[in-house]
Amino acid sequence: MTATDAQVRIALSERKKGRTQEQAAAKANLRSRKTVAKYEKAGRLPSGLRKPRSYRTHADAFAGEWLTVREMLEEAPALEAKALFEWLSAAHPGRYEEGQLRTFQRRVSNWRALNAPQILTLEQVREPGELMQTDGTWMNELGITIQGELLNHRLIHSVLPYSNWEWGTVAQSESLVAITRAFQAAVQELGHVPSAHQTDNTTAATHDLKVMSQDADRADSGRFYNTDYRALLDHYGVEPRTTHLGSPDENGDIEAANGAFKRAVEQHLLLHGNRDFESLETYEQWLQEIMRKRNGHRSARLAEELAVMKSLEVAPLPAMREYRPRVSRNGVILVLGNTYSVPSGLKGRQVVVHVHEWHIEVYFDGQLIQQMSRLKGKKQSDINYRHIIDTLLRKPGGFRRYRYHEQMFPRPIFRAAWEALDARTSPRRADLEYLRILKLAAGNLESDVELALQLVLESDETWDHQTIAALVEPTIPPAPHVEQPVPELSQYDQLLVWEVVSDPA
């Protein structure tokens, strides 16, 4: 049995305590005292006496083709070892077995280690108070729900690399509005501002120009900072920075912080007992409470940062973008590539739209007309049937081929009602009856109309919009007529006389 370094260390330690070689060997579980004597005389451990092997213990199965394999790797470094092994097996049937794949992969890996230079990560020296990094990271894998509905969202995460202090806000995209809200929330929580703010090459902060100009404000990466993003940082007196194209490791601090924070959130969710929250605001506050607890362990290094950072002395900017679209003849507006309906009376008018991260607001003549959830992506639509119903009732023939036909069924029961009408009457009659029911929903509680539709669909009786109206708007009997007596004014005169007679004066 070959002695190990650990065994020899024990034996030599025992010898220093005055034990005999036999006693030291027994303590270290060595076969004989001769082993102790050998290493005691050499003054070195077994690993130090071992000489590197310069010979092979078995024949090289790939010696004949290795030169060809090496040339292929030099010409196409991206070739994988498994693909090369499959090529060798096809070129020389019966020569290679599946069990040799691991040996071949090791051979290719060793060749790459000696012949294929890699791009290394350059560890950075961080100065206190100098930099804040911000990045968006998807949180969908955590399975968060709001009142039972799955929340598709990101965390816009900001970190001070020197102290690892962190803050973040919940967003549905990595937009300029989201970054504005997250950056301002971070500096408000800190009460201080860093010297510089760094993002990756997100289109929220930078864009690529086809035509270069000498006075253009150019980012280090070759991209250009967006005007609104630059205005945000100028407001706080912060220098913008971005990573170079194709160099995501330059944002390594925030990337590592993203993963660490999500792992921490997962653990807190397990302690929390469920993944459902009452509202988006409640969920965001819960996340930020986790951040405060984590930041509590970073107070010493954070104090070094705050000592050299500028105090926050300006008010936050509105975390929204403003647009001024004109309402089309279809009664809709186009905002960031998505379509929203507005009241039909605004047809042809210009409105003011404030785009926030989770909702948009529509103003006309200084008044808030409506607020609705912000659509994500492009070419989506949000059409409110209440804006369209009067037009559809005037032109019922246009209902079936209406571009937004599917959005005229606010709940599944409404579609079921239209299909039931369509099955037992003519198309025009079915459409007209359904539109009248939709008008009832627009003028009353939608839930009341839903309940009425459930009742009639469960019955075998024939029904129409008047049946629904009777259930939603029951007839109230008139109030009974009450005779009002006419008072006799002479009775009041008698009261006055009585008062005079009773007066002792």
Foldseek 3Di string as FASTA:
>chain_A
DDDAQVLLVQLVVVVVVVDDLQVSCVRSVHDGSVVNVVCVVVVDGPVVPDDDDPDDPDDDLCVVCVVVVVVVCVVPVVDALVVVVVVVCVVPPPSDDPVCSVVSNVVNVVCCVVPPDDDDQDDDDADFLAEKEWDKDWLQVLQAAAVPHTDGWIWTKIARLQLRQIATFIFNDPALLRNLVGQVVVCVVVQFHGQAYEYECDVNFWDADPDDDPPFQAAPQRTGGDPVNVVQCVQQNHHYHYDHPPCPCVSVSVVVSVVVLSVVVSVVCVVVVHRYDNDSVRVRVVSRVSSVVVCVVRVVSNVSNVVPTGGGDDDRDPSWDKDKFQQACVQWTADPQEIEHFANVRHRHIWMWTGHRFKIWIGDPRHTRDIDTDDDDHHYYHYDVLRCLVVCLVVVVCQVVPPPNVNLQVDPLLVVQLVVLVVPDPNSVSSNQSSLLSVVVSVAPVVQLSVQSVVVVVDPDDDTNVSSCCSSPPDDDDDDDDDDDDDDVVVVVVVVVVVVVPDPD
